[in-house]
Amino acid sequence: MKRGTVGHPKTAHLKQLLQIKTYEATGILECMWHYTATYAPAGDIGKWEDSAIADALGWPAQECARLMHALRISRWVDAHDVHRLVVHDWYDHCEDAVHMALARKTQYFVDGRMPKLTKFNDKEKAIIRELYAKTPYILTDMRTECAQNAQECAEKRTALALPSPPIAIANSLDPPIVPHSGDGECSATASRKRTPKRNGTLTQEQQAWFDEFWSRYPRKKDKGAALKAWAKLHVDAETWAAMLATFEWQIPEMQRKDISYVKYPATYLNARGWESEPDKNTFAKSAGVFVDPNDSEIPF
């Protein structure tokens, strides 16, 4: 979270509109930014239905209209003619990992700006700039009739009998996110409920999780093998939450090692590496605390 968010006038306005506490307002904003970074990295959060956004932010889906109205009025989210809703000043305030993830896919932010390349080395910058030179920004009209609550979405699915198809690995190692089907079906709810029927097929949500895993994991080798290993795991929300919790201490531990000693991503996934337990010094090292190897306790 950006410094100053807790006491920002916009946060106070959001609290007033929703009649909530400071910690609840900051929690909603933090969840929104995490959700955007993972599922709408360009900032176009409006490609997801309001009820799906509300659910991700821990807000009752049946009151999603009230939440989204408050976020717009307090200017944390802006209305957009094409993308419906975009996160306010996302390009300027999102973390470096979002810029890097978009750059690796040669994608632009919703305002047409190219991601920052500050975290890449000179050779990578040259390659990425060359790719962008061949991929001009094209504003795609994504305006579709999106149901404003889960009930409407369910009714449309039933009436039209058009479930959202899962993403097949065979088609691409890095397929684009498809926000809605052409007839107005809200694919967010449908894809979230689908599970893979066979190895080699991912739901849209599982693909987004894999992209996030790949962006975080320090050693980027054999992406195809890693994707196959990921598909075999049939990752669900609970497993993904466990991975994220483990990454908090595991990724810094990997980054302190010589990269040659870090497992390949596929090896890590096949061995279910996120289920490993940290040794007693791990958290102290992450916090920068010196630990005497002869001590039996970690000082906090």
Protein backbone atom coordinates (compact mmCIF):
# COMPACT_ATOMS: atom_id res chain seq x y z
CA MET A 1 0.00 0.00 0.00
CA LYS A 2 1.23 3.50 -0.87
CA ARG A 3 2.32 5.65 2.06
CA GLY A 4 -0.33 8.25 2.84
CA THR A 5 -3.32 6.12 1.83
CA VAL A 6 -4.64 5.73 5.38
CA GLY A 7 -4.97 9.48 5.96
CA HIS A 8 -5.79 10.50 2.38
CA PRO A 9 -8.94 12.66 1.90
CA LYS A 10 -10.18 10.19 -0.70
CA THR A 11 -9.98 7.40 1.89
CA ALA A 12 -11.96 9.55 4.32
CA HIS A 13 -14.55 10.15 1.61
CA LEU A 14 -14.81 6.40 0.93
CA LYS A 15 -15.29 5.74 4.66
CA GLN A 16 -18.07 8.32 4.78
CA LEU A 17 -19.86 6.96 1.72
CA LEU A 18 -19.79 3.35 2.94
CA GLN A 19 -20.05 4.14 6.67
CA ILE A 20 -17.05 1.96 7.52
CA LYS A 21 -13.90 2.16 9.65
CA THR A 22 -10.46 3.28 8.47
CA TYR A 23 -9.02 -0.24 8.53
CA GLU A 24 -11.98 -1.49 6.47
CA ALA A 25 -11.53 1.23 3.84
CA THR A 26 -7.78 0.62 3.53
CA GLY A 27 -8.42 -3.13 3.36
CA ILE A 28 -10.87 -2.64 0.49
CA LEU A 29 -8.34 -0.52 -1.41
CA GLU A 30 -5.49 -2.95 -0.83
CA CYS A 31 -7.64 -5.87 -2.03
CA MET A 32 -8.66 -3.87 -5.10
CA TRP A 33 -5.05 -3.15 -6.03
CA HIS A 34 -4.05 -6.80 -5.56
CA TYR A 35 -7.03 -7.92 -7.67
CA THR A 36 -6.19 -5.39 -10.39
CA ALA A 37 -2.51 -6.40 -10.49
CA THR A 38 -3.45 -10.05 -10.96
CA TYR A 39 -6.60 -9.97 -13.10
CA ALA A 40 -6.53 -6.56 -14.82
CA PRO A 41 -2.85 -5.49 -14.87
CA ALA A 42 -3.50 -2.83 -17.51
CA GLY A 43 -5.85 -1.13 -15.04
CA ASP A 44 -9.08 -2.07 -16.86
CA ILE A 45 -10.85 -3.51 -13.83
CA GLY A 46 -14.22 -2.82 -15.47
CA LYS A 47 -13.88 -5.90 -17.64
CA TRP A 48 -15.06 -7.87 -14.61
CA GLU A 49 -18.65 -7.60 -13.42
CA ASP A 50 -19.33 -5.54 -10.32
CA SER A 51 -20.35 -8.55 -8.24
CA ALA A 52 -17.05 -10.32 -9.01
CA ILE A 53 -15.07 -7.22 -7.99
CA ALA A 54 -17.10 -6.84 -4.79
CA ASP A 55 -16.54 -10.50 -3.91
CA ALA A 56 -12.78 -10.12 -4.40
CA LEU A 57 -12.80 -7.06 -2.12
CA GLY A 58 -14.69 -8.88 0.64
CA TRP A 59 -17.87 -6.85 0.10
CA PRO A 60 -21.34 -8.48 -0.12
CA ALA A 61 -22.07 -9.17 -3.79
CA GLN A 62 -25.70 -8.09 -3.36
CA GLU A 63 -24.44 -4.60 -2.42
CA CYS A 64 -21.89 -4.36 -5.23
CA ALA A 65 -23.61 -1.33 -6.81
CA ARG A 66 -23.19 0.64 -3.57
CA LEU A 67 -19.50 -0.28 -3.33
CA MET A 68 -18.68 0.59 -6.94
CA HIS A 69 -20.61 3.86 -6.67
CA ALA A 70 -18.56 4.80 -3.60
CA LEU A 71 -15.25 3.91 -5.31
CA ARG A 72 -16.21 6.09 -8.29
CA ILE A 73 -17.44 9.05 -6.25
CA SER A 74 -14.30 8.98 -4.06
CA ARG A 75 -12.23 8.76 -7.27
CA TRP A 76 -10.34 5.57 -6.49
CA VAL A 77 -11.94 4.21 -9.67
CA ASP A 78 -12.77 6.23 -12.81
CA ALA A 79 -15.59 5.68 -15.30
CA HIS A 80 -14.30 4.93 -18.81
CA ASP A 81 -16.14 5.07 -22.14
CA VAL A 82 -14.45 1.93 -23.46
CA HIS A 83 -13.30 -0.12 -20.45
CA ARG A 84 -16.29 0.83 -18.24
CA LEU A 85 -14.13 1.25 -15.11
CA VAL A 86 -10.39 1.84 -14.67
CA VAL A 87 -8.30 2.16 -11.51
CA HIS A 88 -7.37 5.81 -10.94
CA ASP A 89 -3.77 6.65 -11.97
CA TRP A 90 -2.89 2.94 -12.08
CA TYR A 91 0.16 3.50 -14.31
CA ASP A 92 1.73 5.84 -11.77
CA HIS A 93 0.96 3.92 -8.60
CA CYS A 94 1.09 0.19 -9.44
CA GLU A 95 4.15 -1.79 -8.36
CA ASP A 96 7.12 -2.49 -10.63
CA ALA A 97 6.08 -6.13 -11.00
CA VAL A 98 2.96 -5.01 -12.92
CA HIS A 99 5.04 -2.96 -15.36
CA MET A 100 7.37 -5.91 -15.87
CA ALA A 101 4.52 -8.39 -16.41
CA LEU A 102 2.90 -6.18 -19.07
CA ALA A 103 6.25 -5.49 -20.75
CA ARG A 104 6.99 -9.22 -21.06
CA LYS A 105 3.66 -9.62 -22.90
CA THR A 106 4.13 -6.48 -25.02
CA GLN A 107 0.92 -5.04 -23.59
CA TYR A 108 -0.04 -1.45 -22.82
CA PHE A 109 -1.82 0.25 -19.95
CA VAL A 110 -5.42 1.37 -20.54
CA ASP A 111 -4.27 4.94 -21.23
CA GLY A 112 -2.03 3.69 -24.06
CA ARG A 113 1.25 4.14 -22.21
CA MET A 114 4.01 1.56 -22.53
CA PRO A 115 5.11 -0.02 -19.21
CA LYS A 116 8.21 1.30 -17.46
CA LEU A 117 11.35 -0.71 -18.18
CA THR A 118 13.45 0.53 -15.27
CA LYS A 119 13.87 -2.93 -13.71
CA PHE A 120 15.16 -4.58 -16.89
CA ASN A 121 18.81 -4.68 -17.91
CA ASP A 122 19.99 -2.87 -21.06
CA LYS A 123 19.79 -5.95 -23.27
CA GLU A 124 16.24 -6.74 -22.14
CA LYS A 125 15.19 -3.12 -22.65
CA ALA A 126 16.45 -3.16 -26.22
CA ILE A 127 14.57 -6.37 -27.04
CA ILE A 128 11.35 -5.15 -25.43
CA ARG A 129 11.48 -1.76 -27.16
CA GLU A 130 11.95 -3.50 -30.50
CA LEU A 131 8.88 -5.66 -29.83
CA TYR A 132 6.81 -2.63 -28.87
CA ALA A 133 7.89 -0.86 -32.06
CA LYS A 134 6.20 -3.69 -33.95
CA THR A 135 3.12 -3.68 -31.68
CA PRO A 136 1.42 -0.26 -31.75
CA TYR A 137 -1.28 0.51 -29.21
CA ILE A 138 -4.78 -0.14 -30.52
CA LEU A 139 -7.76 0.95 -28.43
CA THR A 140 -10.18 -1.96 -28.54
CA ASP A 141 -13.85 -1.27 -27.85
CA MET A 142 -14.67 -3.74 -25.09
CA ARG A 143 -18.13 -2.30 -24.30
CA THR A 144 -20.43 -5.25 -23.77
CA GLU A 145 -23.59 -5.64 -21.80
CA CYS A 146 -22.27 -6.86 -18.44
CA ALA A 147 -24.78 -8.05 -15.84
CA GLN A 148 -24.45 -6.02 -12.66
CA ASN A 149 -24.94 -8.86 -10.22
CA ALA A 150 -24.39 -12.60 -10.01
CA GLN A 151 -28.11 -13.39 -10.32
CA GLU A 152 -28.43 -11.62 -13.66
CA CYS A 153 -25.31 -13.41 -14.88
CA ALA A 154 -26.68 -16.80 -13.87
CA GLU A 155 -29.98 -16.06 -15.62
CA LYS A 156 -28.19 -15.09 -18.81
CA ARG A 157 -26.11 -18.27 -18.75
CA THR A 158 -29.17 -20.40 -18.25
CA ALA A 159 -31.16 -18.67 -20.97
CA LEU A 160 -28.38 -18.55 -23.55
CA ALA A 161 -26.67 -21.84 -22.60
CA LEU A 162 -23.29 -20.36 -23.46
CA PRO A 163 -20.73 -21.29 -20.77
CA SER A 164 -17.32 -19.65 -21.01
CA PRO A 165 -14.77 -22.11 -22.44
CA PRO A 166 -11.59 -22.85 -20.49
CA ILE A 167 -8.24 -21.78 -21.92
CA ALA A 168 -6.33 -24.59 -23.63
CA ILE A 169 -2.58 -24.76 -23.15
CA ALA A 170 -2.20 -26.23 -26.62
CA ASN A 171 -3.36 -22.90 -28.12
CA SER A 172 -0.81 -20.69 -26.36
CA LEU A 173 1.59 -20.61 -23.46
CA ASP A 174 0.41 -17.12 -22.58
CA PRO A 175 -3.19 -16.56 -23.84
CA PRO A 176 -4.87 -13.18 -23.52
CA ILE A 177 -7.52 -12.59 -20.86
CA VAL A 178 -11.00 -12.52 -22.42
CA PRO A 179 -13.22 -10.31 -20.28
CA HIS A 180 -16.67 -11.06 -21.72
CA SER A 181 -18.11 -13.15 -24.51
CA GLY A 182 -19.57 -11.24 -27.39
CA ASP A 183 -23.21 -11.78 -26.42
CA GLY A 184 -22.85 -9.99 -23.06
CA GLU A 185 -22.15 -13.06 -20.98
CA CYS A 186 -20.06 -12.25 -17.89
CA SER A 187 -17.24 -14.77 -18.16
CA ALA A 188 -15.75 -13.95 -14.74
CA THR A 189 -18.42 -15.85 -12.83
CA ALA A 190 -18.57 -18.72 -15.30
CA SER A 191 -14.79 -19.22 -15.50
CA ARG A 192 -14.45 -19.06 -11.72
CA LYS A 193 -16.85 -21.99 -11.37
CA ARG A 194 -15.32 -24.16 -14.07
CA THR A 195 -12.70 -26.76 -13.27
CA PRO A 196 -10.37 -28.41 -15.78
CA LYS A 197 -11.68 -31.64 -17.26
CA ARG A 198 -8.31 -33.02 -18.21
CA ASN A 199 -4.61 -32.34 -17.84
CA GLY A 200 -3.44 -29.57 -20.15
CA THR A 201 -6.53 -27.35 -19.75
CA LEU A 202 -6.75 -24.33 -17.46
CA THR A 203 -9.57 -22.07 -16.43
CA GLN A 204 -9.07 -18.36 -16.99
CA GLU A 205 -8.49 -17.91 -13.25
CA GLN A 206 -5.85 -20.66 -13.11
CA GLN A 207 -4.06 -19.09 -16.08
CA ALA A 208 -3.98 -15.73 -14.28
CA TRP A 209 -2.60 -17.42 -11.16
CA PHE A 210 0.11 -19.12 -13.22
CA ASP A 211 1.09 -15.79 -14.79
CA GLU A 212 1.44 -14.33 -11.30
CA PHE A 213 3.46 -17.36 -10.13
CA TRP A 214 5.78 -17.03 -13.14
CA SER A 215 6.30 -13.30 -12.54
CA ARG A 216 7.26 -13.91 -8.89
CA TYR A 217 9.40 -17.04 -9.18
CA PRO A 218 13.11 -16.02 -9.36
CA ARG A 219 14.35 -18.61 -11.83
CA LYS A 220 12.55 -18.34 -15.16
CA LYS A 221 13.47 -21.54 -16.99
CA ASP A 222 11.39 -23.94 -19.12
CA LYS A 223 8.07 -22.10 -18.97
CA GLY A 224 6.36 -24.81 -21.01
CA ALA A 225 7.32 -27.51 -18.52
CA ALA A 226 6.23 -25.28 -15.66
CA LEU A 227 2.85 -24.70 -17.28
CA LYS A 228 2.32 -28.44 -17.72
CA ALA A 229 3.22 -29.04 -14.08
CA TRP A 230 0.81 -26.28 -13.07
CA ALA A 231 -2.03 -27.83 -15.08
CA LYS A 232 -1.54 -31.20 -13.36
CA LEU A 233 -2.01 -29.54 -9.95
CA HIS A 234 -5.55 -28.29 -10.70
CA VAL A 235 -4.84 -25.27 -8.52
CA ASP A 236 -7.86 -23.92 -6.65
CA ALA A 237 -8.30 -20.74 -4.59
CA GLU A 238 -7.20 -22.47 -1.38
CA THR A 239 -4.00 -23.83 -2.93
CA TRP A 240 -3.21 -20.47 -4.50
CA ALA A 241 -3.68 -18.72 -1.14
CA ALA A 242 -1.27 -21.22 0.45
CA MET A 243 1.29 -20.52 -2.27
CA LEU A 244 1.07 -16.77 -1.76
CA ALA A 245 1.51 -17.17 1.99
CA THR A 246 4.62 -19.34 1.48
CA PHE A 247 6.06 -16.93 -1.11
CA GLU A 248 6.27 -14.24 1.58
CA TRP A 249 9.28 -16.00 3.14
CA GLN A 250 10.30 -18.41 0.39
CA ILE A 251 10.94 -15.95 -2.46
CA PRO A 252 13.31 -13.74 -0.41
CA GLU A 253 15.13 -16.92 0.67
CA MET A 254 15.55 -17.95 -2.99
CA GLN A 255 16.75 -14.49 -3.97
CA ARG A 256 19.58 -14.69 -1.43
CA LYS A 257 20.90 -17.87 -3.06
CA ASP A 258 23.05 -18.31 -6.13
CA ILE A 259 20.40 -18.66 -8.87
CA SER A 260 21.90 -21.99 -9.95
CA TYR A 261 20.80 -23.48 -6.60
CA VAL A 262 17.17 -22.43 -7.10
CA LYS A 263 14.96 -25.20 -8.48
CA TYR A 264 13.45 -24.93 -11.93
CA PRO A 265 9.78 -23.83 -11.68
CA ALA A 266 8.49 -27.18 -12.94
CA THR A 267 10.60 -29.06 -10.38
CA TYR A 268 9.31 -26.77 -7.63
CA LEU A 269 5.68 -27.36 -8.65
CA ASN A 270 6.02 -31.13 -9.08
CA ALA A 271 7.59 -31.34 -5.61
CA ARG A 272 4.84 -29.10 -4.15
CA GLY A 273 7.55 -26.77 -2.90
CA TRP A 274 5.09 -24.31 -1.35
CA GLU A 275 4.32 -26.95 1.32
CA SER A 276 7.87 -26.77 2.66
CA GLU A 277 8.37 -25.50 6.20
CA PRO A 278 10.77 -22.60 6.90
CA ASP A 279 13.77 -23.21 9.11
CA LYS A 280 13.85 -21.22 12.36
CA ASN A 281 16.14 -18.49 10.99
CA THR A 282 14.15 -17.75 7.82
CA PHE A 283 11.83 -15.08 9.18
CA ALA A 284 14.63 -13.42 11.13
CA LYS A 285 16.75 -13.17 7.99
CA SER A 286 13.79 -11.73 6.05
CA ALA A 287 13.43 -9.07 8.72
CA GLY A 288 17.17 -8.32 8.73
CA VAL A 289 17.69 -9.61 12.26
CA PHE A 290 21.03 -11.17 13.18
CA VAL A 291 20.61 -14.63 14.64
CA ASP A 292 23.33 -16.36 16.60
CA PRO A 293 23.50 -19.91 15.21
CA ASN A 294 24.08 -21.12 18.77
CA ASP A 295 20.84 -19.54 19.98
CA SER A 296 17.81 -21.78 20.36
CA GLU A 297 15.37 -18.91 20.03
CA ILE A 298 14.86 -16.27 17.36
CA PRO A 299 14.81 -12.78 18.93
CA PHE A 300 11.82 -10.61 17.89
